[in-house]
């Protein structure tokens, strides 16, 4: 059997085909344009490389409620041309195979839980910090959906006293995680992208403060055994020690079993392919 994967991102679509041992046999990357421009070549790729099931990890928000008439669709996304687009049904109709849809961060969480940094654990969280901030929650061996799906990027935080833009830049919420700590938020605040900021820039203390609040909130709500931080901003690895130290300070000894955070807050083992491999796992589970 062969399995297909689509990692649907805001700027690019990554497609792949793998065998039952999860060896990637072929892959292709396309720009994310309108559905009218992007869907035909993606469908053509899977017709040229037939698969038995397709897993899709997509930007959202998504309708993941099987009882909903718009199940399998992208919903109120900022990418307006994709708003209310029936992504999974469109592939199912065109290819005639099972298609499983989940968020891109849930797909990455699944990959890291089963193949990567969270392997062997029943509870972990994967958070991507980049153009946006999103989180996938893997709890007792299952991905969490609930009312919709976790929106980690929109948790509200306390502002850092030295933040020159404490309200952040989210169009929906003041002081939410994505609005204060995403890559674009850093660039708007400091006038440079995260990759251009030197290690001793005050931006990193602010970034660690906000991401540590996120880590503490996750510890106090979903109680993960590991928090896995990926994405473009987290490729600046000097940020990890700052987050770990600040998380310990904020927790203030409240969680007695956490005496250190080096093994709790970690980078992904499969990045940058965590989402793609997770989508392949979703397809494999569908058969």
Protein backbone atom coordinates (compact mmCIF):
# COMPACT_ATOMS: atom_id res chain seq x y z
CA UNK A 1 0.00 0.00 0.00
CA UNK A 2 0.98 3.60 -0.56
CA UNK A 3 -0.05 6.61 1.47
CA UNK A 4 -0.29 10.26 0.48
CA UNK A 5 0.30 13.37 2.53
CA UNK A 6 -0.48 17.03 2.06
CA UNK A 7 0.93 19.65 4.38
CA UNK A 8 -1.20 22.65 3.46
CA UNK A 9 0.46 25.88 4.55
CA UNK A 10 -0.29 29.52 4.07
CA UNK A 11 2.57 30.01 1.62
CA UNK A 12 3.24 26.54 0.23
CA UNK A 13 1.69 23.11 -0.23
CA UNK A 14 3.97 20.10 0.33
CA UNK A 15 2.83 16.79 -1.14
CA UNK A 16 4.38 13.37 -0.62
CA UNK A 17 3.86 9.65 -1.20
CA UNK A 18 5.26 6.97 1.12
CA UNK A 19 5.25 3.22 1.43
CA UNK A 20 4.05 1.21 4.44
CA UNK A 21 7.43 1.65 6.16
CA UNK A 22 7.03 5.45 5.92
CA UNK A 23 9.78 5.80 3.34
CA UNK A 24 9.00 8.87 1.23
CA UNK A 25 9.03 7.83 -2.42
CA UNK A 26 8.33 11.21 -4.01
CA UNK A 27 7.42 14.73 -2.98
CA UNK A 28 6.56 18.07 -4.54
CA UNK A 29 6.13 21.64 -3.31
CA UNK A 30 3.68 24.11 -4.82
CA UNK A 31 2.88 27.73 -3.92
CA UNK A 32 -0.39 28.30 -2.08
CA UNK A 33 -2.48 30.36 -4.47
CA UNK A 34 -6.26 30.28 -4.91
CA UNK A 35 -8.08 26.92 -4.81
CA UNK A 36 -8.76 27.28 -8.52
CA UNK A 37 -5.02 27.48 -9.25
CA UNK A 38 -3.68 25.18 -6.54
CA UNK A 39 -6.09 22.23 -6.40
CA UNK A 40 -5.74 20.94 -10.02
CA UNK A 41 -1.95 20.35 -9.86
CA UNK A 42 -2.28 18.74 -6.41
CA UNK A 43 -4.96 16.37 -7.65
CA UNK A 44 -2.82 15.67 -10.72
CA UNK A 45 0.14 14.77 -8.48
CA UNK A 46 -1.85 12.08 -6.65
CA UNK A 47 -3.31 10.77 -9.91
CA UNK A 48 0.20 10.42 -11.27
CA UNK A 49 1.34 8.79 -8.01
CA UNK A 50 -1.73 6.83 -6.83
CA UNK A 51 -2.23 6.28 -3.10
CA UNK A 52 -4.66 4.24 -1.01
CA UNK A 53 -5.42 7.00 1.48
CA UNK A 54 -4.54 10.66 1.92
CA UNK A 55 -3.74 12.51 5.14
CA UNK A 56 -4.00 16.30 5.16
CA UNK A 57 -2.50 18.59 7.77
CA UNK A 58 -3.79 22.07 7.00
CA UNK A 59 -3.81 25.65 8.16
CA UNK A 60 -7.12 26.53 9.76
CA UNK A 61 -9.43 26.99 11.43
CA UNK A 62 -11.00 23.73 10.25
CA UNK A 63 -14.37 22.06 10.69
CA UNK A 64 -13.48 18.69 12.22
CA UNK A 65 -16.94 17.78 13.51
CA UNK A 66 -18.18 14.69 11.59
CA UNK A 67 -21.79 15.71 12.28
CA UNK A 68 -21.34 19.12 10.65
CA UNK A 69 -22.50 19.74 7.06
CA UNK A 70 -19.17 21.48 6.39
CA UNK A 71 -17.05 18.68 7.89
CA UNK A 72 -13.61 18.58 6.30
CA UNK A 73 -13.60 22.24 5.29
CA UNK A 74 -11.32 25.17 5.99
CA UNK A 75 -13.52 27.72 7.76
CA UNK A 76 -12.85 31.38 8.70
CA UNK A 77 -9.23 31.51 7.64
CA UNK A 78 -7.47 34.85 7.02
CA UNK A 79 -6.60 33.44 3.57
CA UNK A 80 -9.87 34.67 2.11
CA UNK A 81 -9.87 32.64 -1.11
CA UNK A 82 -9.72 29.43 0.97
CA UNK A 83 -12.47 30.47 3.38
CA UNK A 84 -15.20 27.80 3.65
CA UNK A 85 -13.39 25.62 1.12
CA UNK A 86 -14.26 21.86 1.36
CA UNK A 87 -10.65 20.65 1.24
CA UNK A 88 -11.01 16.99 2.24
CA UNK A 89 -14.28 16.42 0.32
CA UNK A 90 -12.70 17.88 -2.83
CA UNK A 91 -9.85 15.35 -2.70
CA UNK A 92 -12.19 12.46 -1.85
CA UNK A 93 -14.40 13.27 -4.82
CA UNK A 94 -11.48 13.68 -7.22
CA UNK A 95 -9.43 10.67 -6.08
CA UNK A 96 -12.03 8.25 -4.72
CA UNK A 97 -9.97 7.37 -1.64
CA UNK A 98 -10.31 8.00 2.13
CA UNK A 99 -9.05 11.47 3.08
CA UNK A 100 -8.32 12.44 6.68
CA UNK A 101 -8.07 16.11 7.61
CA UNK A 102 -6.59 17.67 10.74
CA UNK A 103 -4.69 20.82 11.63
CA UNK A 104 -1.08 21.09 10.53
CA UNK A 105 0.02 21.32 14.18
CA UNK A 106 -2.04 18.26 15.16
CA UNK A 107 -0.33 16.38 12.35
CA UNK A 108 3.05 17.53 13.66
CA UNK A 109 2.05 16.56 17.21
CA UNK A 110 1.13 13.07 16.00
CA UNK A 111 4.47 12.70 14.24
CA UNK A 112 6.51 13.86 17.22
CA UNK A 113 4.47 11.69 19.61
CA UNK A 114 4.87 8.51 17.58
CA UNK A 115 8.19 9.03 15.79
CA UNK A 116 10.01 11.96 17.35
CA UNK A 117 10.69 13.92 20.52
CA UNK A 118 7.61 12.58 22.34
CA UNK A 119 8.01 8.95 21.35
CA UNK A 120 6.92 6.56 24.09
CA UNK A 121 4.80 9.18 25.87
CA UNK A 122 1.02 9.35 26.06
CA UNK A 123 0.83 13.12 26.56
CA UNK A 124 2.67 15.86 24.73
CA UNK A 125 2.06 19.20 23.02
CA UNK A 126 3.60 20.43 19.80
CA UNK A 127 3.69 24.21 19.27
CA UNK A 128 4.91 25.94 16.14
CA UNK A 129 6.19 29.51 16.52
CA UNK A 130 6.59 31.15 13.15
CA UNK A 131 4.35 33.14 10.83
CA UNK A 132 1.59 32.24 13.29
CA UNK A 133 1.48 30.25 16.50
CA UNK A 134 -0.47 27.02 16.71
CA UNK A 135 -0.51 24.01 18.96
CA UNK A 136 -1.46 20.36 18.66
CA UNK A 137 -2.35 18.43 21.81
CA UNK A 138 -1.74 14.68 22.08
CA UNK A 139 -3.51 13.41 25.20
CA UNK A 140 -3.60 9.82 26.44
CA UNK A 141 -2.54 8.62 23.01
CA UNK A 142 -5.14 10.63 21.04
CA UNK A 143 -5.19 13.99 19.28
CA UNK A 144 -7.51 16.48 20.98
CA UNK A 145 -10.33 18.11 19.02
CA UNK A 146 -13.28 18.88 21.29
CA UNK A 147 -15.54 21.77 20.30
CA UNK A 148 -13.20 22.57 17.39
CA UNK A 149 -9.46 22.09 17.92
CA UNK A 150 -6.94 23.72 20.25
CA UNK A 151 -6.09 27.33 19.37
CA UNK A 152 -2.98 27.71 21.49
CA UNK A 153 -1.93 30.85 19.64
CA UNK A 154 -4.88 32.84 20.96
CA UNK A 155 -4.44 32.28 24.69
CA UNK A 156 -4.28 35.60 26.52
CA UNK A 157 -1.08 36.57 28.34
CA UNK A 158 0.20 39.17 30.78
CA UNK A 159 2.22 41.87 29.06
CA UNK A 160 5.92 42.19 29.80
CA UNK A 161 6.53 45.53 31.59
CA UNK A 162 9.18 46.50 29.01
CA UNK A 163 7.16 45.57 25.92
CA UNK A 164 6.85 48.60 23.61
CA UNK A 165 3.77 46.98 21.99
CA UNK A 166 1.99 45.18 24.87
CA UNK A 167 -1.32 44.80 23.01
CA UNK A 168 0.37 42.87 20.22
CA UNK A 169 -0.74 42.76 16.61
CA UNK A 170 -3.56 40.19 16.41
CA UNK A 171 -6.62 41.58 14.59
CA UNK A 172 -8.93 39.62 16.91
CA UNK A 173 -7.47 39.86 20.45
CA UNK A 174 -5.31 42.20 22.47
CA UNK A 175 -2.40 40.53 24.18
CA UNK A 176 -2.80 37.05 22.76
CA UNK A 177 0.20 34.78 22.25
CA UNK A 178 0.25 34.97 18.45
CA UNK A 179 -0.19 38.74 18.57
CA UNK A 180 2.83 39.26 20.82
CA UNK A 181 5.19 36.38 20.03
CA UNK A 182 4.81 35.25 16.40
CA UNK A 183 7.50 36.01 13.83
CA UNK A 184 5.52 38.90 12.27
CA UNK A 185 4.81 40.34 15.74
CA UNK A 186 8.55 40.37 16.49
CA UNK A 187 9.29 42.07 13.19
CA UNK A 188 6.60 44.71 13.69
CA UNK A 189 7.80 45.44 17.21
CA UNK A 190 11.54 45.62 16.47
CA UNK A 191 11.73 46.46 12.76
CA UNK A 192 13.76 43.30 11.99
CA UNK A 193 12.87 39.66 11.48
CA UNK A 194 13.73 37.13 14.16
CA UNK A 195 16.52 35.69 12.03
CA UNK A 196 18.21 39.13 11.88
CA UNK A 197 18.05 39.93 15.60
CA UNK A 198 21.32 39.32 17.50
CA UNK A 199 21.33 36.94 20.46
CA UNK A 200 21.79 39.78 22.96
CA UNK A 201 18.82 41.80 21.67
CA UNK A 202 16.11 42.51 24.30
CA UNK A 203 13.60 40.92 21.93
CA UNK A 204 14.62 37.47 23.13
CA UNK A 205 13.90 38.14 26.81
CA UNK A 206 10.41 39.31 25.85
CA UNK A 207 9.91 36.33 23.56
CA UNK A 208 11.01 33.92 26.28
CA UNK A 209 8.69 35.61 28.78
CA UNK A 210 5.67 35.09 26.52
CA UNK A 211 6.52 31.56 25.45
CA UNK A 212 7.22 30.61 29.08
CA UNK A 213 3.75 31.84 30.03
CA UNK A 214 2.39 29.60 27.30
CA UNK A 215 4.38 26.64 28.64
CA UNK A 216 3.11 27.24 32.16
CA UNK A 217 -0.48 27.56 30.96
CA UNK A 218 -0.15 24.27 29.09
CA UNK A 219 1.35 22.59 32.14
CA UNK A 220 -1.55 23.76 34.28
CA UNK A 221 -4.28 22.78 31.81
CA UNK A 222 -3.38 19.73 29.70
CA UNK A 223 -0.41 18.54 31.81
CA UNK A 224 1.89 17.34 28.99
CA UNK A 225 4.89 15.15 29.67
CA UNK A 226 6.76 17.10 27.00
CA UNK A 227 6.32 20.46 25.27
CA UNK A 228 7.85 20.42 21.80
CA UNK A 229 8.57 23.83 20.24
CA UNK A 230 9.12 24.08 16.49
CA UNK A 231 8.77 26.62 13.72
CA UNK A 232 10.99 29.32 12.26
CA UNK A 233 11.40 31.42 15.40
CA UNK A 234 12.44 28.37 17.42
CA UNK A 235 15.22 27.64 14.95
CA UNK A 236 17.09 30.28 16.97
CA UNK A 237 18.14 27.65 19.48
CA UNK A 238 19.52 30.12 22.04
CA UNK A 239 15.86 30.81 22.85
CA UNK A 240 15.33 27.40 24.49
CA UNK A 241 17.44 28.03 27.64
CA UNK A 242 15.70 31.39 28.12
CA UNK A 243 12.24 29.79 27.92
CA UNK A 244 13.19 26.93 30.22
CA UNK A 245 14.59 29.26 32.85
CA UNK A 246 11.60 31.62 32.71
CA UNK A 247 9.12 28.74 32.87
CA UNK A 248 10.73 27.47 36.07
CA UNK A 249 10.62 30.97 37.53
CA UNK A 250 6.93 31.40 36.70
CA UNK A 251 5.97 27.98 38.06
CA UNK A 252 7.75 28.85 41.31
CA UNK A 253 7.96 25.24 42.47
CA UNK A 254 4.19 24.64 42.22
CA UNK A 255 4.57 21.39 40.21
CA UNK A 256 6.72 19.35 42.55
CA UNK A 257 7.68 16.74 39.97
CA UNK A 258 9.21 19.39 37.69
CA UNK A 259 12.66 20.25 39.02
CA UNK A 260 14.20 21.05 35.63
CA UNK A 261 12.85 21.91 32.20
CA UNK A 262 15.68 20.80 29.90
CA UNK A 263 13.89 17.52 29.21
CA UNK A 264 10.39 19.06 29.38
CA UNK A 265 10.70 21.86 26.81
CA UNK A 266 12.48 20.52 23.73
CA UNK A 267 12.90 21.03 19.98
CA UNK A 268 11.17 18.64 17.57
CA UNK A 269 13.09 15.60 16.34
CA UNK A 270 11.44 15.51 12.91
CA UNK A 271 11.27 19.22 11.99
CA UNK A 272 10.88 20.53 9.30
CA UNK A 273 8.98 17.41 8.17
CA UNK A 274 6.93 16.85 11.34
CA UNK A 275 3.68 17.97 9.71
CA UNK A 276 4.24 16.02 6.51
CA UNK A 277 5.15 12.80 8.35
CA UNK A 278 2.17 13.29 10.65
CA UNK A 279 -0.12 13.55 7.63
CA UNK A 280 1.33 10.25 6.34
CA UNK A 281 0.59 8.65 9.72
CA UNK A 282 -2.98 9.94 9.50
CA UNK A 283 -3.37 8.35 6.07
CA UNK A 284 -1.92 5.06 7.33
CA UNK A 285 -4.39 5.00 10.22
CA UNK A 286 -7.28 5.60 7.80
CA UNK A 287 -6.76 2.21 6.06
